[in-house]
C-alpha atoms as a PDB file:
ATOM      1  CA  MET A   1      -0.595 -46.646 -23.418  1.00  0.00           C
ATOM      2  CA  THR A   2       2.520 -47.260 -21.333  1.00  0.00           C
ATOM      3  CA  SER A   3       4.758 -45.542 -23.873  1.00  0.00           C
ATOM      4  CA  SER A   4       2.576 -42.437 -24.012  1.00  0.00           C
ATOM      5  CA  LEU A   5       2.453 -42.332 -20.239  1.00  0.00           C
ATOM      6  CA  ARG A   6       6.232 -42.479 -20.014  1.00  0.00           C
ATOM      7  CA  LEU A   7       6.576 -39.630 -22.480  1.00  0.00           C
ATOM      8  CA  SER A   8       3.974 -37.506 -20.726  1.00  0.00           C
ATOM      9  CA  VAL A   9       5.635 -37.634 -17.317  1.00  0.00           C
ATOM     10  CA  PRO A  10       8.795 -35.676 -18.339  1.00  0.00           C
ATOM     11  CA  LEU A  11       6.570 -33.273 -20.266  1.00  0.00           C
ATOM     12  CA  ARG A  12       4.514 -32.591 -17.190  1.00  0.00           C
ATOM     13  CA  VAL A  13       7.670 -32.141 -15.146  1.00  0.00           C
ATOM     14  CA  TRP A  14       9.028 -29.554 -17.605  1.00  0.00           C
ATOM     15  CA  ILE A  15       5.740 -27.685 -17.643  1.00  0.00           C
ATOM     16  CA  PHE A  16       5.754 -27.642 -13.847  1.00  0.00           C
ATOM     17  CA  VAL A  17       9.344 -26.342 -13.785  1.00  0.00           C
ATOM     18  CA  LEU A  18       8.557 -23.623 -16.320  1.00  0.00           C
ATOM     19  CA  LEU A  19       5.498 -22.522 -14.376  1.00  0.00           C
ATOM     20  CA  LEU A  20       7.681 -22.154 -11.306  1.00  0.00           C
ATOM     21  CA  ALA A  21      10.711 -20.629 -12.993  1.00  0.00           C
ATOM     22  CA  VAL A  22       9.070 -17.993 -15.173  1.00  0.00           C
ATOM     23  CA  PRO A  23       6.981 -16.312 -12.440  1.00  0.00           C
ATOM     24  CA  ALA A  24       9.939 -16.446 -10.071  1.00  0.00           C
ATOM     25  CA  SER A  25      12.206 -14.775 -12.625  1.00  0.00           C
ATOM     26  CA  SER A  26       9.583 -12.169 -13.464  1.00  0.00           C
ATOM     27  CA  ALA A  27       8.928 -11.487  -9.798  1.00  0.00           C
ATOM     28  CA  TRP A  28      12.667 -11.092  -9.185  1.00  0.00           C
ATOM     29  CA  ASN A  29      13.064  -8.610 -12.045  1.00  0.00           C
ATOM     30  CA  ALA A  30       9.950  -6.712 -11.022  1.00  0.00           C
ATOM     31  CA  GLY A  31      11.088  -6.584  -7.404  1.00  0.00           C
ATOM     32  CA  SER A  32      14.529  -5.343  -8.410  1.00  0.00           C
ATOM     33  CA  LEU A  33      13.000  -2.706 -10.679  1.00  0.00           C
ATOM     34  CA  VAL A  34      10.654  -1.495  -7.948  1.00  0.00           C
ATOM     35  CA  LYS A  35      13.572  -1.265  -5.521  1.00  0.00           C
ATOM     36  CA  THR A  36      15.871   0.725  -7.830  1.00  0.00           C
ATOM     37  CA  ARG A  37      13.245   2.954  -9.457  1.00  0.00           C
ATOM     38  CA  ILE A  38      10.809   3.559  -6.610  1.00  0.00           C
ATOM     39  CA  VAL A  39      11.961   2.468  -3.150  1.00  0.00           C
ATOM     40  CA  GLU A  40      15.539   3.810  -3.255  1.00  0.00           C
ATOM     41  CA  PRO A  41      14.681   7.274  -4.691  1.00  0.00           C
ATOM     42  CA  ILE A  42      11.911   7.678  -2.111  1.00  0.00           C
ATOM     43  CA  SER A  43      14.251   6.611   0.712  1.00  0.00           C
ATOM     44  CA  VAL A  44      16.959   9.030  -0.421  1.00  0.00           C
ATOM     45  CA  GLY A  45      14.432  11.828  -0.923  1.00  0.00           C
ATOM     46  CA  TYR A  46      12.942  11.245   2.506  1.00  0.00           C
ATOM     47  CA  ALA A  47      16.390  11.343   4.166  1.00  0.00           C
ATOM     48  CA  ARG A  48      17.218  14.624   2.394  1.00  0.00           C
ATOM     49  CA  ARG A  49      13.953  16.211   3.521  1.00  0.00           C
ATOM     50  CA  ILE A  50      14.386  15.039   7.102  1.00  0.00           C
ATOM     51  CA  LYS A  51      17.900  16.528   7.064  1.00  0.00           C
ATOM     52  CA  ALA A  52      16.476  19.918   6.086  1.00  0.00           C
ATOM     53  CA  ASP A  53      13.389  19.678   8.320  1.00  0.00           C
ATOM     54  CA  PRO A  54      13.405  17.128  11.197  1.00  0.00           C
ATOM     55  CA  SER A  55       9.632  17.469  11.575  1.00  0.00           C
ATOM     56  CA  PHE A  56       8.959  16.469   7.956  1.00  0.00           C
ATOM     57  CA  LEU A  57       7.448  13.099   8.937  1.00  0.00           C
ATOM     58  CA  SER A  58       4.888  14.607  11.318  1.00  0.00           C
ATOM     59  CA  LYS A  59       4.074  17.276   8.739  1.00  0.00           C
ATOM     60  CA  SER A  60       3.591  14.548   6.120  1.00  0.00           C
ATOM     61  CA  ILE A  61       1.099  12.660   8.269  1.00  0.00           C
ATOM     62  CA  ALA A  62      -0.740  15.876   9.084  1.00  0.00           C
ATOM     63  CA  GLU A  63      -0.808  16.869   5.412  1.00  0.00           C
ATOM     64  CA  VAL A  64      -2.637  13.688   4.368  1.00  0.00           C
ATOM     65  CA  PHE A  65      -5.398  14.193   6.944  1.00  0.00           C
ATOM     66  CA  LEU A  66      -5.540  17.927   6.304  1.00  0.00           C
ATOM     67  CA  ALA A  67      -5.816  17.379   2.555  1.00  0.00           C
ATOM     68  CA  ALA A  68      -8.912  15.246   3.052  1.00  0.00           C
ATOM     69  CA  GLY A  69     -10.346  17.519   5.748  1.00  0.00           C
ATOM     70  CA  THR A  70      -9.819  20.804   3.924  1.00  0.00           C
ATOM     71  CA  GLN A  71     -11.215  19.386   0.696  1.00  0.00           C
ATOM     72  CA  LEU A  72     -14.362  18.239   2.496  1.00  0.00           C
ATOM     73  CA  SER A  73     -14.647  21.662   4.146  1.00  0.00           C
ATOM     74  CA  ALA A  74     -14.236  23.387   0.802  1.00  0.00           C
ATOM     75  CA  GLU A  75     -16.813  21.108  -0.820  1.00  0.00           C
ATOM     76  CA  TRP A  76     -19.276  21.907   1.968  1.00  0.00           C
ATOM     77  CA  THR A  77     -18.506  25.651   1.776  1.00  0.00           C
ATOM     78  CA  ARG A  78     -18.998  25.825  -1.983  1.00  0.00           C
ATOM     79  CA  ARG A  79     -21.940  23.423  -2.299  1.00  0.00           C
ATOM     80  CA  GLY A  80     -23.802  23.738   0.997  1.00  0.00           C
ATOM     81  CA  THR A  81     -25.228  20.949   3.118  1.00  0.00           C
ATOM     82  CA  ALA A  82     -28.218  20.384   0.832  1.00  0.00           C
ATOM     83  CA  ARG A  83     -26.035  19.693  -2.225  1.00  0.00           C
ATOM     84  CA  MET A  84     -23.371  17.447  -0.668  1.00  0.00           C
ATOM     85  CA  VAL A  85     -25.244  14.162  -1.218  1.00  0.00           C
ATOM     86  CA  PRO A  86     -26.689  14.953  -4.685  1.00  0.00           C
ATOM     87  CA  GLU A  87     -23.213  16.037  -5.830  1.00  0.00           C
ATOM     88  CA  ILE A  88     -21.389  13.193  -4.058  1.00  0.00           C
ATOM     89  CA  ASP A  89     -19.688  12.206  -7.347  1.00  0.00           C
ATOM     90  CA  PHE A  90     -17.818  15.501  -7.418  1.00  0.00           C
ATOM     91  CA  VAL A  91     -17.096  15.381  -3.683  1.00  0.00           C
ATOM     92  CA  VAL A  92     -15.495  11.916  -3.723  1.00  0.00           C
ATOM     93  CA  SER A  93     -13.380  12.634  -6.794  1.00  0.00           C
ATOM     94  CA  GLY A  94     -12.275  15.947  -5.311  1.00  0.00           C
ATOM     95  CA  VAL A  95     -11.164  14.389  -2.021  1.00  0.00           C
ATOM     96  CA  LEU A  96      -9.209  11.563  -3.677  1.00  0.00           C
ATOM     97  CA  THR A  97      -7.512  13.975  -6.064  1.00  0.00           C
ATOM     98  CA  ALA A  98      -6.715  16.434  -3.269  1.00  0.00           C
ATOM     99  CA  VAL A  99      -5.009  13.841  -1.067  1.00  0.00           C
ATOM    100  CA  ALA A 100      -2.815  12.555  -3.900  1.00  0.00           C
ATOM    101  CA  GLY A 101      -2.054  15.963  -5.376  1.00  0.00           C
ATOM    102  CA  LYS A 102      -1.455  17.985  -2.223  1.00  0.00           C
ATOM    103  CA  TYR A 103       0.918  15.489  -0.653  1.00  0.00           C
ATOM    104  CA  TYR A 104       3.004  15.166  -3.807  1.00  0.00           C
ATOM    105  CA  THR A 105       3.221  18.955  -4.094  1.00  0.00           C
ATOM    106  CA  MET A 106       4.355  19.162  -0.478  1.00  0.00           C
ATOM    107  CA  TRP A 107       6.972  16.472  -1.141  1.00  0.00           C
ATOM    108  CA  ARG A 108       8.211  18.000  -4.395  1.00  0.00           C
ATOM    109  CA  VAL A 109       8.899  21.530  -3.122  1.00  0.00           C
ATOM    110  CA  ALA A 110      10.006  20.698   0.446  1.00  0.00           C
ATOM    111  CA  PRO A 111      13.487  22.031   1.382  1.00  0.00           C
ATOM    112  CA  THR A 112      16.241  19.410   1.089  1.00  0.00           C
ATOM    113  CA  LEU A 113      19.827  18.902   2.228  1.00  0.00           C
ATOM    114  CA  ASP A 114      22.243  16.141   1.269  1.00  0.00           C
ATOM    115  CA  ASP A 115      22.388  13.395   3.896  1.00  0.00           C
ATOM    116  CA  GLY A 116      26.195  13.239   3.717  1.00  0.00           C
ATOM    117  CA  SER A 117      26.446   9.840   2.070  1.00  0.00           C
ATOM    118  CA  ALA A 118      27.683  11.312  -1.191  1.00  0.00           C
ATOM    119  CA  ALA A 119      30.588  13.057   0.504  1.00  0.00           C
ATOM    120  CA  SER A 120      31.904   9.831   2.023  1.00  0.00           C
ATOM    121  CA  ALA A 121      31.436   7.700  -1.096  1.00  0.00           C
ATOM    122  CA  THR A 122      34.306   6.578  -3.328  1.00  0.00           C
ATOM    123  CA  ASN A 123      34.614   7.853  -6.894  1.00  0.00           C
ATOM    124  CA  LYS A 124      33.128   4.626  -8.271  1.00  0.00           C
ATOM    125  CA  GLU A 125      30.222   4.794  -5.825  1.00  0.00           C
ATOM    126  CA  LYS A 126      29.572   8.419  -6.768  1.00  0.00           C
ATOM    127  CA  LYS A 127      29.334   7.442 -10.436  1.00  0.00           C
ATOM    128  CA  ASP A 128      26.899   4.666  -9.599  1.00  0.00           C
ATOM    129  CA  GLN A 129      24.732   6.914  -7.428  1.00  0.00           C
ATOM    130  CA  PRO A 130      21.969   8.945  -9.113  1.00  0.00           C
ATOM    131  CA  ASP A 131      22.339  12.737  -9.198  1.00  0.00           C
ATOM    132  CA  ASN A 132      19.918  13.945  -6.527  1.00  0.00           C
ATOM    133  CA  GLN A 133      20.372  17.620  -7.372  1.00  0.00           C
ATOM    134  CA  THR A 134      17.327  19.456  -8.686  1.00  0.00           C
ATOM    135  CA  ARG A 135      18.194  21.044 -12.020  1.00  0.00           C
ATOM    136  CA  LEU A 136      16.697  23.428 -14.527  1.00  0.00           C
ATOM    137  CA  GLY A 137      18.646  22.588 -17.653  1.00  0.00           C
ATOM    138  CA  ASN A 138      22.269  22.544 -16.497  1.00  0.00           C
ATOM    139  CA  MET A 139      21.628  24.929 -13.593  1.00  0.00           C
ATOM    140  CA  ILE A 140      21.360  23.455 -10.092  1.00  0.00           C
ATOM    141  CA  VAL A 141      18.407  24.941  -8.209  1.00  0.00           C
ATOM    142  CA  PRO A 142      17.136  24.482  -4.631  1.00  0.00           C
ATOM    143  CA  THR A 143      13.985  22.404  -4.227  1.00  0.00           C
ATOM    144  CA  ASN A 144      12.427  25.371  -2.436  1.00  0.00           C
ATOM    145  CA  ALA A 145      12.937  28.894  -3.738  1.00  0.00           C
ATOM    146  CA  PHE A 146      13.294  30.340  -0.233  1.00  0.00           C
ATOM    147  CA  GLN A 147      15.677  27.887   1.438  1.00  0.00           C
ATOM    148  CA  LYS A 148      18.940  29.433   2.633  1.00  0.00           C
ATOM    149  CA  THR A 149      21.357  27.160   0.773  1.00  0.00           C
ATOM    150  CA  LEU A 150      21.491  24.574  -1.971  1.00  0.00           C
ATOM    151  CA  SER A 151      21.303  20.924  -0.954  1.00  0.00           C
ATOM    152  CA  ASP A 152      25.017  20.904  -0.042  1.00  0.00           C
ATOM    153  CA  GLY A 153      24.154  23.106   2.950  1.00  0.00           C
ATOM    154  CA  VAL A 154      26.838  25.671   2.045  1.00  0.00           C
ATOM    155  CA  THR A 155      26.239  27.353  -1.323  1.00  0.00           C
ATOM    156  CA  ARG A 156      23.889  30.337  -1.300  1.00  0.00           C
ATOM    157  CA  PRO A 157      21.491  30.279  -4.294  1.00  0.00           C
ATOM    158  CA  ARG A 158      21.638  33.140  -6.784  1.00  0.00           C
ATOM    159  CA  ILE A 159      18.452  34.981  -7.723  1.00  0.00           C
ATOM    160  CA  GLN A 160      18.145  33.084 -11.022  1.00  0.00           C
ATOM    161  CA  GLN A 161      18.457  29.802  -9.144  1.00  0.00           C
ATOM    162  CA  ARG A 162      15.648  30.832  -6.803  1.00  0.00           C
ATOM    163  CA  LEU A 163      13.450  31.785  -9.753  1.00  0.00           C
ATOM    164  CA  GLY A 164      14.350  28.463 -11.337  1.00  0.00           C
ATOM    165  CA  SER A 165      12.962  26.714  -8.261  1.00  0.00           C
ATOM    166  CA  PHE A 166       9.475  27.770  -9.338  1.00  0.00           C
ATOM    167  CA  ILE A 167       9.974  26.555 -12.909  1.00  0.00           C
ATOM    168  CA  ALA A 168      11.826  23.263 -12.286  1.00  0.00           C
ATOM    169  CA  PRO A 169       8.943  21.427 -10.543  1.00  0.00           C
ATOM    170  CA  MET A 170       6.260  22.544 -13.006  1.00  0.00           C
ATOM    171  CA  LEU A 171       6.526  19.585 -15.386  1.00  0.00           C
ATOM    172  CA  PRO A 172       6.763  16.952 -12.599  1.00  0.00           C
ATOM    173  CA  LEU A 173       3.832  18.609 -10.816  1.00  0.00           C
ATOM    174  CA  PHE A 174       1.832  18.698 -14.046  1.00  0.00           C
ATOM    175  CA  ARG A 175       2.457  14.986 -14.562  1.00  0.00           C
ATOM    176  CA  ALA A 176       1.599  14.292 -10.920  1.00  0.00           C
ATOM    177  CA  GLY A 177      -1.602  16.303 -11.285  1.00  0.00           C
ATOM    178  CA  ILE A 178      -2.653  14.181 -14.230  1.00  0.00           C
ATOM    179  CA  ILE A 179      -1.946  11.032 -12.199  1.00  0.00           C
ATOM    180  CA  ALA A 180      -3.798  12.423  -9.170  1.00  0.00           C
ATOM    181  CA  GLY A 181      -6.736  13.383 -11.371  1.00  0.00           C
ATOM    182  CA  THR A 182      -6.747   9.937 -12.946  1.00  0.00           C
ATOM    183  CA  ILE A 183      -6.870   8.380  -9.485  1.00  0.00           C
ATOM    184  CA  GLY A 184      -9.602  10.675  -8.160  1.00  0.00           C
ATOM    185  CA  TYR A 185     -11.832  11.069 -11.195  1.00  0.00           C
ATOM    186  CA  GLY A 186     -11.031   7.631 -12.634  1.00  0.00           C
ATOM    187  CA  VAL A 187     -12.087   5.848  -9.442  1.00  0.00           C
ATOM    188  CA  THR A 188     -15.230   7.979  -9.326  1.00  0.00           C
ATOM    189  CA  ALA A 189     -16.029   7.129 -12.958  1.00  0.00           C
ATOM    190  CA  ILE A 190     -15.726   3.425 -12.103  1.00  0.00           C
ATOM    191  CA  MET A 191     -18.000   3.926  -9.076  1.00  0.00           C
ATOM    192  CA  ILE A 192     -20.575   5.675 -11.274  1.00  0.00           C
ATOM    193  CA  SER A 193     -20.466   2.827 -13.806  1.00  0.00           C
ATOM    194  CA  LEU A 194     -20.972   0.243 -11.065  1.00  0.00           C
ATOM    195  CA  ARG A 195     -23.817   2.279  -9.604  1.00  0.00           C
ATOM    196  CA  THR A 196     -25.476   2.433 -13.028  1.00  0.00           C
ATOM    197  CA  ILE A 197     -25.285  -1.359 -13.289  1.00  0.00           C
ATOM    198  CA  TYR A 198     -26.467  -2.248  -9.794  1.00  0.00           C
ATOM    199  CA  LEU A 199     -28.809   0.714  -9.199  1.00  0.00           C
ATOM    200  CA  PRO A 200     -30.373   1.354 -12.610  1.00  0.00           C
ATOM    201  CA  ASN A 201     -33.247   3.335 -11.093  1.00  0.00           C
ATOM    202  CA  TYR A 202     -30.936   5.846  -9.392  1.00  0.00           C
ATOM    203  CA  VAL A 203     -30.984   9.235 -11.128  1.00  0.00           C
ATOM    204  CA  PRO A 204     -27.844  11.290 -10.324  1.00  0.00           C
ATOM    205  CA  ALA A 205     -28.001  15.065 -10.122  1.00  0.00           C
ATOM    206  CA  THR A 206     -24.591  15.441 -11.780  1.00  0.00           C
ATOM    207  CA  GLN A 207     -23.487  15.141 -15.389  1.00  0.00           C
ATOM    208  CA  ASN A 208     -20.680  12.755 -16.274  1.00  0.00           C
ATOM    209  CA  MET A 209     -17.339  14.509 -15.961  1.00  0.00           C
ATOM    210  CA  ASN A 210     -14.778  14.620 -18.768  1.00  0.00           C
ATOM    211  CA  VAL A 211     -11.946  12.788 -16.997  1.00  0.00           C
ATOM    212  CA  LEU A 212      -9.284  13.928 -19.490  1.00  0.00           C
ATOM    213  CA  HIS A 213     -10.164  17.614 -19.124  1.00  0.00           C
ATOM    214  CA  ALA A 214     -10.355  17.264 -15.331  1.00  0.00           C
ATOM    215  CA  CYS A 215      -6.897  15.664 -15.255  1.00  0.00           C
ATOM    216  CA  LEU A 216      -5.408  18.405 -17.440  1.00  0.00           C
ATOM    217  CA  PHE A 217      -6.941  21.067 -15.193  1.00  0.00           C
ATOM    218  CA  THR A 218      -5.559  19.339 -12.087  1.00  0.00           C
ATOM    219  CA  GLY A 219      -2.103  19.139 -13.656  1.00  0.00           C
ATOM    220  CA  GLY A 220      -2.079  22.827 -14.574  1.00  0.00           C
ATOM    221  CA  PHE A 221      -3.449  23.822 -11.171  1.00  0.00           C
ATOM    222  CA  MET A 222      -0.745  21.877  -9.328  1.00  0.00           C
ATOM    223  CA  ALA A 223       2.044  23.148 -11.583  1.00  0.00           C
ATOM    224  CA  ILE A 224       1.179  26.802 -10.965  1.00  0.00           C
ATOM    225  CA  VAL A 225      -1.149  27.473  -8.020  1.00  0.00           C
ATOM    226  CA  SER A 226      -0.131  24.630  -5.698  1.00  0.00           C
ATOM    227  CA  ASN A 227       3.526  25.098  -6.594  1.00  0.00           C
ATOM    228  CA  VAL A 228       3.555  28.728  -5.437  1.00  0.00           C
ATOM    229  CA  ARG A 229       1.414  28.078  -2.342  1.00  0.00           C
ATOM    230  CA  TYR A 230       3.585  25.285  -0.979  1.00  0.00           C
ATOM    231  CA  GLN A 231       6.840  27.077  -1.836  1.00  0.00           C
ATOM    232  CA  VAL A 232       5.734  30.042   0.278  1.00  0.00           C
ATOM    233  CA  LEU A 233       4.307  27.858   3.059  1.00  0.00           C
ATOM    234  CA  GLN A 234       7.372  25.637   3.447  1.00  0.00           C
ATOM    235  CA  GLY A 235       9.986  28.231   2.561  1.00  0.00           C
ATOM    236  CA  ILE A 236       8.780  31.317   4.461  1.00  0.00           C
ATOM    237  CA  VAL A 237       5.785  30.726   6.749  1.00  0.00           C
ATOM    238  CA  GLU A 238       6.803  27.515   8.527  1.00  0.00           C
ATOM    239  CA  PRO A 239      10.499  28.430   8.968  1.00  0.00           C
ATOM    240  CA  SER A 240       9.394  31.744  10.514  1.00  0.00           C
ATOM    241  CA  ILE A 241       7.105  29.894  12.945  1.00  0.00           C
ATOM    242  CA  ASP A 242       9.904  27.429  13.766  1.00  0.00           C
ATOM    243  CA  ARG A 243      12.299  30.280  14.485  1.00  0.00           C
ATOM    244  CA  LEU A 244       9.921  32.401  16.556  1.00  0.00           C
ATOM    245  CA  PHE A 245       8.343  29.619  18.621  1.00  0.00           C
ATOM    246  CA  ARG A 246      11.091  27.016  18.868  1.00  0.00           C
ATOM    247  CA  ASN A 247      10.954  27.203  22.671  1.00  0.00           C
ATOM    248  CA  ILE A 248       7.174  26.709  22.751  1.00  0.00           C
ATOM    249  CA  PRO A 249       6.692  23.459  20.814  1.00  0.00           C
ATOM    250  CA  SER A 250       2.978  23.093  21.565  1.00  0.00           C
ATOM    251  CA  LEU A 251       2.156  26.565  20.217  1.00  0.00           C
ATOM    252  CA  ARG A 252       4.516  26.000  17.298  1.00  0.00           C
ATOM    253  CA  GLY A 253       2.673  22.803  16.363  1.00  0.00           C
ATOM    254  CA  ILE A 254      -0.738  24.448  16.599  1.00  0.00           C
ATOM    255  CA  LEU A 255       0.324  27.379  14.407  1.00  0.00           C
ATOM    256  CA  ILE A 256       1.854  25.126  11.748  1.00  0.00           C
ATOM    257  CA  LEU A 257      -1.276  22.971  11.719  1.00  0.00           C
ATOM    258  CA  ALA A 258      -3.452  26.071  11.376  1.00  0.00           C
ATOM    259  CA  CYS A 259      -1.337  27.408   8.501  1.00  0.00           C
ATOM    260  CA  ARG A 260      -1.469  24.083   6.693  1.00  0.00           C
ATOM    261  CA  TRP A 261      -5.225  23.926   7.196  1.00  0.00           C
ATOM    262  CA  ALA A 262      -5.649  27.431   5.772  1.00  0.00           C
ATOM    263  CA  ASN A 263      -3.344  26.641   2.849  1.00  0.00           C
ATOM    264  CA  GLY A 264      -5.207  23.433   2.037  1.00  0.00           C
ATOM    265  CA  LEU A 265      -8.626  25.068   2.345  1.00  0.00           C
ATOM    266  CA  LEU A 266      -7.576  27.928   0.063  1.00  0.00           C
ATOM    267  CA  GLY A 267      -6.267  25.492  -2.531  1.00  0.00           C
ATOM    268  CA  SER A 268      -9.429  23.383  -2.451  1.00  0.00           C
ATOM    269  CA  ILE A 269     -11.734  26.390  -2.804  1.00  0.00           C
ATOM    270  CA  LEU A 270      -9.675  27.731  -5.728  1.00  0.00           C
ATOM    271  CA  ALA A 271      -9.682  24.318  -7.427  1.00  0.00           C
ATOM    272  CA  ILE A 272     -13.453  23.845  -7.061  1.00  0.00           C
ATOM    273  CA  SER A 273     -14.116  27.398  -8.275  1.00  0.00           C
ATOM    274  CA  GLY A 274     -11.850  26.856 -11.279  1.00  0.00           C
ATOM    275  CA  MET A 275     -13.530  23.602 -12.267  1.00  0.00           C
ATOM    276  CA  ARG A 276     -16.963  25.175 -11.993  1.00  0.00           C
ATOM    277  CA  ALA A 277     -15.894  28.232 -13.992  1.00  0.00           C
ATOM    278  CA  LEU A 278     -14.566  25.994 -16.785  1.00  0.00           C
ATOM    279  CA  GLY A 279     -17.718  23.875 -16.808  1.00  0.00           C
ATOM    280  CA  LEU A 280     -16.020  20.709 -15.585  1.00  0.00           C
ATOM    281  CA  GLN A 281     -18.558  20.173 -12.795  1.00  0.00           C
ATOM    282  CA  ARG A 282     -22.087  20.543 -14.112  1.00  0.00           C
ATOM    283  CA  LEU A 283     -25.501  19.544 -12.822  1.00  0.00           C
ATOM    284  CA  LYS A 284     -28.331  18.100 -14.876  1.00  0.00           C
END
């Protein structure tokens, strides 16, 4: 008994050490990966957008609330008050998808300028830094087709580079649309499953949605329709308002908010109409 006890103590110690060491190592690697792959690119991207548009932060906050508000308005407009509760499955999934999708589209096609850190970096640092230029193949394109210069703040884009600005974000926006659809419609599918379990007597007015088809539709919609809408909004409409009403900041803010509301409402109505036309939102 004593011998087995003596042998078991070191064994327990090693198990304890391994339980501490392995999670710590995994957490360290995961934290480092998150920092290099997610946090740093977002920080750099945010700095480049602020450099091109100092009001980008306030516009970002407004966009999140407007995305939810315009989607709810569009749902009410298309469905009517009497159908909002019976079709709540579609409403919730639409709002969640709209918030995720609209903000990413705004982010992806916002005008950008280099923050100047690349110019002051050494050759070794430049090699280590990721290339933040937006490209279509080997051609550098502006993030917004209508911005005056490329991200260096000097070079004027050629016509093919401006056209490339519409094509370059299509694949990322398509992927983002699939992710946004997965979030919105996936969460709703989980909610429906839970409701079926806990409220077996509840009879929904809606048919179960094909999540895959809804995600593909959302991806295509963002890649084409949302892409063009936000390029025009952030490249032509808002800069014109900034230029004309720079000395009247309160009016400038109201006009930009109104334009973003109209843009979001238009996008939501088009998306709902498209899903209905394709039979993705059906009633029993």
